Amino acid sequence: MLAAISITASIWHYKHYSEYVEQMSDFLCTVGDRREITGQGIDVKAGVILRPIESSPFRIGLSIASPTFYELKTANYSFISDGYNRFDSGSIMDARDRTNYKFRLYTPWKFGVSLGHTIGSQVALGASYEYADYGSMDSRYITGEYYNEWSDSYSSNSESDRVMNDHTAKTLKGVHTLKLGAEIKPTRELALRIGYNYVSPMYQKEGFKDGTLNSDGSYVSSATDYTNWEATNRFTCGFGYTFDKFNASLAYQYSTTKGTFSPFMSYYDANSPTADCIAPQVSVENKRHQVLLTLGYTF
């Protein structure tokens, strides 16, 4: 049995700009949003590899990953323009500080199992499965900050944003990830590789972004659009070559995901159906081609 544990720290710096334009009766209405999210996170991973039959190369792997504990800060600059007048969010300064918000986000636990087998020294086969329940993600308010003498830094207390978490549970769901791969070595120096990766949808079929939630996470949200992505399929192939102490690997990956884009949530008025505002949905597809080259030298 082989066991391993790792601690990973990550730093995030995300930037995004979007515009939504709608043709009104006699003018164009434009909504622009520029957002930046910064912060850091930490998580712990552990795993074991077992060989149930000592004389066989067949092995079983088990893994678990803790939530990634993020502390993030989101800031945005938004505007609405009708071509004549313009309203900027930068002028908003209220008790909630709508253009600047600090919060915590805890991602779900991840559980995995893998199988591996080799046939002689020429064929290697592998399969893995991972599950994570994204409906259980925990969005948290920062309730207070204080100076920590032991770490000589500032720390913070937090509590769950129950309204946002309830919406998350209704909108997101468990994700299943399946990976299959094979490597064939026709010669000692050359290795041919092929793989497939399937990721099930994260979003509930009828999930939507609810901008009416009584949550700070909604108060600071300045973009109304959302996309319900379906399953992701990835196909890979490539080869590796070793010469003396040098090695090179070339891989190609094709990824495709379909989804439904909505510019804003639909609004229904029970008292006056003629006042309903139904958001038009558009089918979208995200296709990505990647070529990866790795060069190495062994000392």
Protein backbone atom coordinates (compact mmCIF):
# COMPACT_ATOMS: atom_id res chain seq x y z
CA MET A 1 0.00 0.00 0.00
CA LEU A 2 1.18 3.49 -0.88
CA ALA A 3 -0.33 6.55 0.84
CA ALA A 4 0.12 10.26 0.18
CA ILE A 5 -1.21 13.57 1.49
CA SER A 6 -0.79 17.07 0.06
CA ILE A 7 -1.73 20.63 0.97
CA THR A 8 -2.38 23.08 -1.85
CA ALA A 9 -2.52 26.86 -1.63
CA SER A 10 -3.92 28.87 -4.53
CA ILE A 11 -4.13 32.55 -5.43
CA TRP A 12 -6.98 33.89 -7.58
CA HIS A 13 -7.06 36.99 -9.77
CA TYR A 14 -10.04 37.00 -12.14
CA LYS A 15 -11.10 39.82 -14.48
CA HIS A 16 -14.26 40.00 -16.58
CA TYR A 17 -16.03 42.56 -18.75
CA SER A 18 -19.43 42.16 -20.38
CA GLU A 19 -22.06 44.26 -22.15
CA TYR A 20 -25.75 43.60 -22.63
CA VAL A 21 -27.50 45.67 -25.33
CA GLU A 22 -31.27 45.74 -25.92
CA GLN A 23 -33.18 47.59 -28.62
CA MET A 24 -35.92 49.68 -27.02
CA SER A 25 -38.67 51.49 -28.92
CA ASP A 26 -36.48 54.44 -29.94
CA PHE A 27 -33.04 53.89 -28.39
CA LEU A 28 -30.47 51.28 -27.42
CA CYS A 29 -30.09 50.40 -23.74
CA THR A 30 -26.59 49.23 -22.80
CA VAL A 31 -25.58 47.62 -19.52
CA GLY A 32 -21.83 47.27 -19.00
CA ASP A 33 -20.04 45.50 -16.16
CA ARG A 34 -16.37 45.19 -15.29
CA ARG A 35 -15.65 42.80 -12.41
CA GLU A 36 -12.50 41.70 -10.62
CA ILE A 37 -12.23 38.90 -8.04
CA THR A 38 -9.08 38.38 -5.98
CA GLY A 39 -8.27 36.12 -3.07
CA GLN A 40 -6.66 32.92 -1.91
CA GLY A 41 -7.65 29.38 -0.96
CA ILE A 42 -6.27 26.24 0.65
CA ASP A 43 -7.24 22.55 0.51
CA VAL A 44 -5.97 19.14 1.58
CA LYS A 45 -5.85 15.97 -0.55
CA ALA A 46 -5.15 12.40 0.56
CA GLY A 47 -5.03 9.09 -1.27
CA VAL A 48 -3.92 5.48 -1.13
CA ILE A 49 -2.96 2.91 -3.78
CA LEU A 50 -3.63 -0.76 -3.07
CA ARG A 51 -2.47 -3.94 -4.83
CA PRO A 52 -4.99 -6.58 -3.74
CA ILE A 53 -3.03 -9.37 -5.46
CA GLU A 54 0.69 -9.20 -4.77
CA SER A 55 1.64 -11.06 -7.94
CA SER A 56 -0.57 -8.90 -10.16
CA PRO A 57 0.10 -5.33 -11.40
CA PHE A 58 -3.61 -4.53 -10.96
CA ARG A 59 -4.08 -1.68 -8.47
CA ILE A 60 -6.89 0.27 -6.86
CA GLY A 61 -6.65 3.91 -5.82
CA LEU A 62 -8.84 5.79 -3.34
CA SER A 63 -8.75 9.56 -2.88
CA ILE A 64 -10.46 12.31 -0.93
CA ALA A 65 -10.11 16.08 -1.20
CA SER A 66 -11.31 18.57 1.36
CA PRO A 67 -13.25 21.66 0.33
CA THR A 68 -11.11 24.51 -0.95
CA PHE A 69 -11.48 27.21 1.68
CA TYR A 70 -11.53 30.49 -0.25
CA GLU A 71 -11.47 34.02 1.10
CA LEU A 72 -12.34 36.31 -1.80
CA LYS A 73 -12.98 39.95 -2.58
CA THR A 74 -15.15 41.01 -5.50
CA ALA A 75 -15.24 44.55 -6.87
CA ASN A 76 -17.05 45.89 -9.91
CA TYR A 77 -17.69 48.98 -11.97
CA SER A 78 -20.99 49.02 -13.89
CA PHE A 79 -23.00 51.43 -15.98
CA ILE A 80 -26.35 51.75 -17.74
CA SER A 81 -26.64 53.99 -20.79
CA ASP A 82 -29.46 54.92 -23.15
CA GLY A 83 -27.14 56.73 -25.52
CA TYR A 84 -27.86 60.09 -23.92
CA ASN A 85 -27.55 59.63 -20.17
CA ARG A 86 -25.31 57.27 -18.23
CA PHE A 87 -25.56 55.98 -14.68
CA ASP A 88 -22.37 54.63 -13.09
CA SER A 89 -22.32 52.26 -10.10
CA GLY A 90 -19.14 53.95 -8.91
CA SER A 91 -21.31 56.71 -7.43
CA ILE A 92 -23.13 54.23 -5.17
CA MET A 93 -21.95 54.39 -1.58
CA ASP A 94 -24.42 52.78 0.80
CA ALA A 95 -24.29 50.66 3.95
CA ARG A 96 -23.69 47.47 1.96
CA ASP A 97 -20.86 48.90 -0.15
CA ARG A 98 -22.33 47.42 -3.31
CA THR A 99 -19.23 47.84 -5.46
CA ASN A 100 -16.86 46.08 -3.04
CA TYR A 101 -17.63 42.86 -1.16
CA LYS A 102 -15.48 40.41 0.81
CA PHE A 103 -16.74 36.89 1.49
CA ARG A 104 -15.77 33.24 1.93
CA LEU A 105 -16.63 30.27 -0.27
CA TYR A 106 -16.13 26.61 0.62
CA THR A 107 -16.27 24.20 -2.32
CA PRO A 108 -17.61 20.62 -1.91
CA TRP A 109 -15.74 17.53 -0.74
CA LYS A 110 -14.47 15.31 -3.58
CA PHE A 111 -14.28 11.51 -3.47
CA GLY A 112 -12.53 9.36 -6.06
CA VAL A 113 -11.65 5.80 -6.98
CA SER A 114 -9.30 4.61 -9.72
CA LEU A 115 -8.26 1.35 -11.34
CA GLY A 116 -5.00 0.63 -13.12
CA HIS A 117 -3.44 -2.34 -14.85
CA THR A 118 -0.42 -3.07 -17.02
CA ILE A 119 0.06 -5.82 -19.56
CA GLY A 120 3.70 -6.69 -19.75
CA SER A 121 5.82 -3.60 -20.35
CA GLN A 122 3.93 -2.42 -23.42
CA VAL A 123 0.34 -1.64 -22.39
CA ALA A 124 -1.00 0.45 -19.49
CA LEU A 125 -4.74 0.92 -18.82
CA GLY A 126 -6.38 3.30 -16.37
CA ALA A 127 -9.85 4.43 -15.28
CA SER A 128 -10.96 6.83 -12.56
CA TYR A 129 -14.23 8.16 -11.14
CA GLU A 130 -14.77 11.26 -8.99
CA TYR A 131 -17.87 12.70 -7.33
CA ALA A 132 -18.49 16.17 -5.89
CA ASP A 133 -21.84 17.62 -4.74
CA TYR A 134 -21.75 21.27 -5.84
CA GLY A 135 -25.19 21.83 -4.35
CA SER A 136 -23.50 21.66 -0.95
CA MET A 137 -21.15 24.61 -1.52
CA ASP A 138 -21.08 27.03 1.40
CA SER A 139 -21.17 30.80 0.74
CA ARG A 140 -20.28 32.70 3.91
CA TYR A 141 -20.53 36.26 5.27
CA ILE A 142 -17.49 37.87 6.86
CA THR A 143 -18.83 38.78 10.33
CA GLY A 144 -15.72 40.38 11.78
CA GLU A 145 -11.97 40.75 11.44
CA TYR A 146 -9.34 40.73 14.18
CA TYR A 147 -5.57 40.72 14.63
CA ASN A 148 -4.05 37.29 15.26
CA GLU A 149 -0.89 37.68 17.36
CA TRP A 150 0.16 34.05 16.81
CA SER A 151 0.31 34.41 13.00
CA ASP A 152 1.06 38.17 13.05
CA SER A 153 -1.76 38.75 10.58
CA TYR A 154 -5.43 39.66 10.40
CA SER A 155 -8.02 36.87 10.57
CA SER A 156 -11.78 36.89 10.18
CA ASN A 157 -14.90 35.17 11.45
CA SER A 158 -17.69 34.06 9.15
CA GLU A 159 -21.13 32.48 9.07
CA SER A 160 -23.11 30.71 6.35
CA ASP A 161 -25.24 32.76 3.97
CA ARG A 162 -28.31 30.55 4.37
CA VAL A 163 -30.36 32.29 1.67
CA MET A 164 -27.63 31.92 -0.95
CA ASN A 165 -26.84 28.35 0.11
CA ASP A 166 -30.49 27.36 -0.20
CA HIS A 167 -30.52 28.75 -3.74
CA THR A 168 -27.27 26.90 -4.52
CA ALA A 169 -28.81 23.61 -3.36
CA LYS A 170 -31.78 24.17 -5.72
CA THR A 171 -29.62 25.25 -8.69
CA LEU A 172 -26.54 23.00 -8.61
CA LYS A 173 -26.17 19.24 -8.15
CA GLY A 174 -23.68 16.41 -7.82
CA VAL A 175 -21.10 16.09 -10.60
CA HIS A 176 -19.73 12.75 -11.84
CA THR A 177 -16.34 12.72 -13.57
CA LEU A 178 -15.16 9.67 -15.50
CA LYS A 179 -11.67 9.37 -17.00
CA LEU A 180 -10.41 6.56 -19.23
CA GLY A 181 -6.92 6.24 -20.65
CA ALA A 182 -4.52 3.86 -22.33
CA GLU A 183 -0.85 3.90 -23.27
CA ILE A 184 0.83 1.56 -25.73
CA LYS A 185 4.60 1.30 -26.19
CA PRO A 186 5.40 -0.33 -29.55
CA THR A 187 9.07 0.33 -28.80
CA ARG A 188 11.01 1.15 -25.66
CA GLU A 189 11.41 4.79 -26.69
CA LEU A 190 7.94 5.52 -28.13
CA ALA A 191 4.62 5.71 -26.22
CA LEU A 192 1.22 6.24 -27.86
CA ARG A 193 -1.60 7.60 -25.68
CA ILE A 194 -5.37 8.00 -25.94
CA GLY A 195 -7.96 9.16 -23.42
CA TYR A 196 -11.55 10.18 -22.78
CA ASN A 197 -13.04 12.38 -20.06
CA TYR A 198 -16.74 12.86 -19.21
CA VAL A 199 -18.06 15.44 -16.74
CA SER A 200 -21.80 15.41 -15.97
CA PRO A 201 -23.79 18.69 -15.77
CA MET A 202 -23.36 20.82 -12.65
CA TYR A 203 -26.64 22.72 -13.12
CA GLN A 204 -30.16 21.54 -12.46
CA LYS A 205 -32.15 21.50 -15.71
CA GLU A 206 -34.48 24.28 -14.52
CA GLY A 207 -31.82 26.15 -12.53
CA PHE A 208 -31.49 29.92 -12.92
CA LYS A 209 -29.70 32.90 -11.40
CA ASP A 210 -32.14 34.49 -8.95
CA GLY A 211 -31.40 38.20 -8.58
CA THR A 212 -34.15 38.71 -5.99
CA LEU A 213 -32.41 36.83 -3.14
CA ASN A 214 -32.14 38.64 0.18
CA SER A 215 -28.39 38.10 0.25
CA ASP A 216 -25.33 40.32 -0.03
CA GLY A 217 -24.16 38.01 -2.78
CA SER A 218 -27.15 39.20 -4.86
CA TYR A 219 -26.88 42.84 -3.79
CA VAL A 220 -23.37 43.10 -5.23
CA SER A 221 -24.18 41.13 -8.39
CA SER A 222 -24.24 43.54 -11.31
CA ALA A 223 -24.55 41.03 -14.17
CA THR A 224 -27.87 39.29 -14.81
CA ASP A 225 -26.86 36.72 -17.44
CA TYR A 226 -26.21 33.04 -16.78
CA THR A 227 -25.56 29.85 -18.75
CA ASN A 228 -26.79 26.39 -17.79
CA TRP A 229 -23.99 24.20 -19.10
CA GLU A 230 -24.67 20.56 -19.91
CA ALA A 231 -22.20 17.65 -19.87
CA THR A 232 -18.57 18.10 -20.98
CA ASN A 233 -16.81 15.59 -23.23
CA ARG A 234 -13.04 15.63 -23.74
CA PHE A 235 -11.02 13.49 -26.16
CA THR A 236 -7.23 13.30 -26.05
CA CYS A 237 -4.47 11.62 -28.02
CA GLY A 238 -0.73 12.01 -28.20
CA PHE A 239 2.65 10.40 -27.99
CA GLY A 240 5.84 10.55 -25.98
CA TYR A 241 9.40 9.85 -27.05
CA THR A 242 12.49 9.23 -24.95
CA PHE A 243 16.04 9.54 -26.23
CA ASP A 244 18.93 9.06 -23.82
CA LYS A 245 18.21 11.61 -21.03
CA PHE A 246 15.79 13.70 -23.12
CA ASN A 247 12.02 13.19 -23.38
CA ALA A 248 9.25 14.91 -25.29
CA SER A 249 5.47 14.60 -25.18
CA LEU A 250 2.94 16.01 -27.63
CA ALA A 251 -0.78 15.86 -26.84
CA TYR A 252 -3.99 17.08 -28.48
CA GLN A 253 -7.24 17.63 -26.57
CA TYR A 254 -10.69 18.42 -27.92
CA SER A 255 -13.35 19.58 -25.46
CA THR A 256 -17.01 20.30 -26.15
CA THR A 257 -19.86 21.52 -23.93
CA LYS A 258 -23.38 22.61 -24.88
CA GLY A 259 -25.57 24.92 -22.83
CA THR A 260 -28.44 27.40 -22.69
CA PHE A 261 -27.71 31.12 -22.28
CA SER A 262 -30.20 33.53 -20.66
CA PRO A 263 -29.61 37.31 -20.48
CA PHE A 264 -31.67 37.57 -17.25
CA MET A 265 -34.11 35.61 -15.12
CA SER A 266 -37.72 35.49 -16.29
CA TYR A 267 -40.29 37.50 -14.33
CA TYR A 268 -43.88 36.35 -13.91
CA ASP A 269 -46.67 38.58 -12.55
CA ALA A 270 -49.48 36.42 -11.13
CA ASN A 271 -51.83 39.41 -10.97
CA SER A 272 -51.14 40.71 -14.44
CA PRO A 273 -49.82 38.09 -16.89
CA THR A 274 -49.43 40.76 -19.56
CA ALA A 275 -46.64 42.22 -17.42
CA ASP A 276 -44.63 38.99 -17.62
CA CYS A 277 -41.06 39.46 -18.84
CA ILE A 278 -39.76 36.20 -20.33
CA ALA A 279 -36.03 36.03 -20.97
CA PRO A 280 -35.19 34.65 -24.42
CA GLN A 281 -32.88 31.62 -24.24
CA VAL A 282 -30.18 30.84 -26.77
CA SER A 283 -28.39 27.53 -27.33
CA VAL A 284 -24.61 27.92 -27.10
CA GLU A 285 -21.66 25.55 -27.49
CA ASN A 286 -18.14 25.83 -26.17
CA LYS A 287 -15.57 23.96 -28.27
CA ARG A 288 -11.90 24.03 -27.43
CA HIS A 289 -8.84 22.62 -29.19
CA GLN A 290 -5.56 22.39 -27.29
CA VAL A 291 -2.09 21.24 -28.28
CA LEU A 292 0.36 20.65 -25.42
CA LEU A 293 4.09 20.12 -25.85
CA THR A 294 6.32 19.07 -22.95
CA LEU A 295 10.11 18.80 -23.10
CA GLY A 296 12.20 17.23 -20.35
CA TYR A 297 15.74 16.31 -19.38
CA THR A 298 16.77 13.86 -16.67
CA PHE A 299 19.95 14.63 -14.73
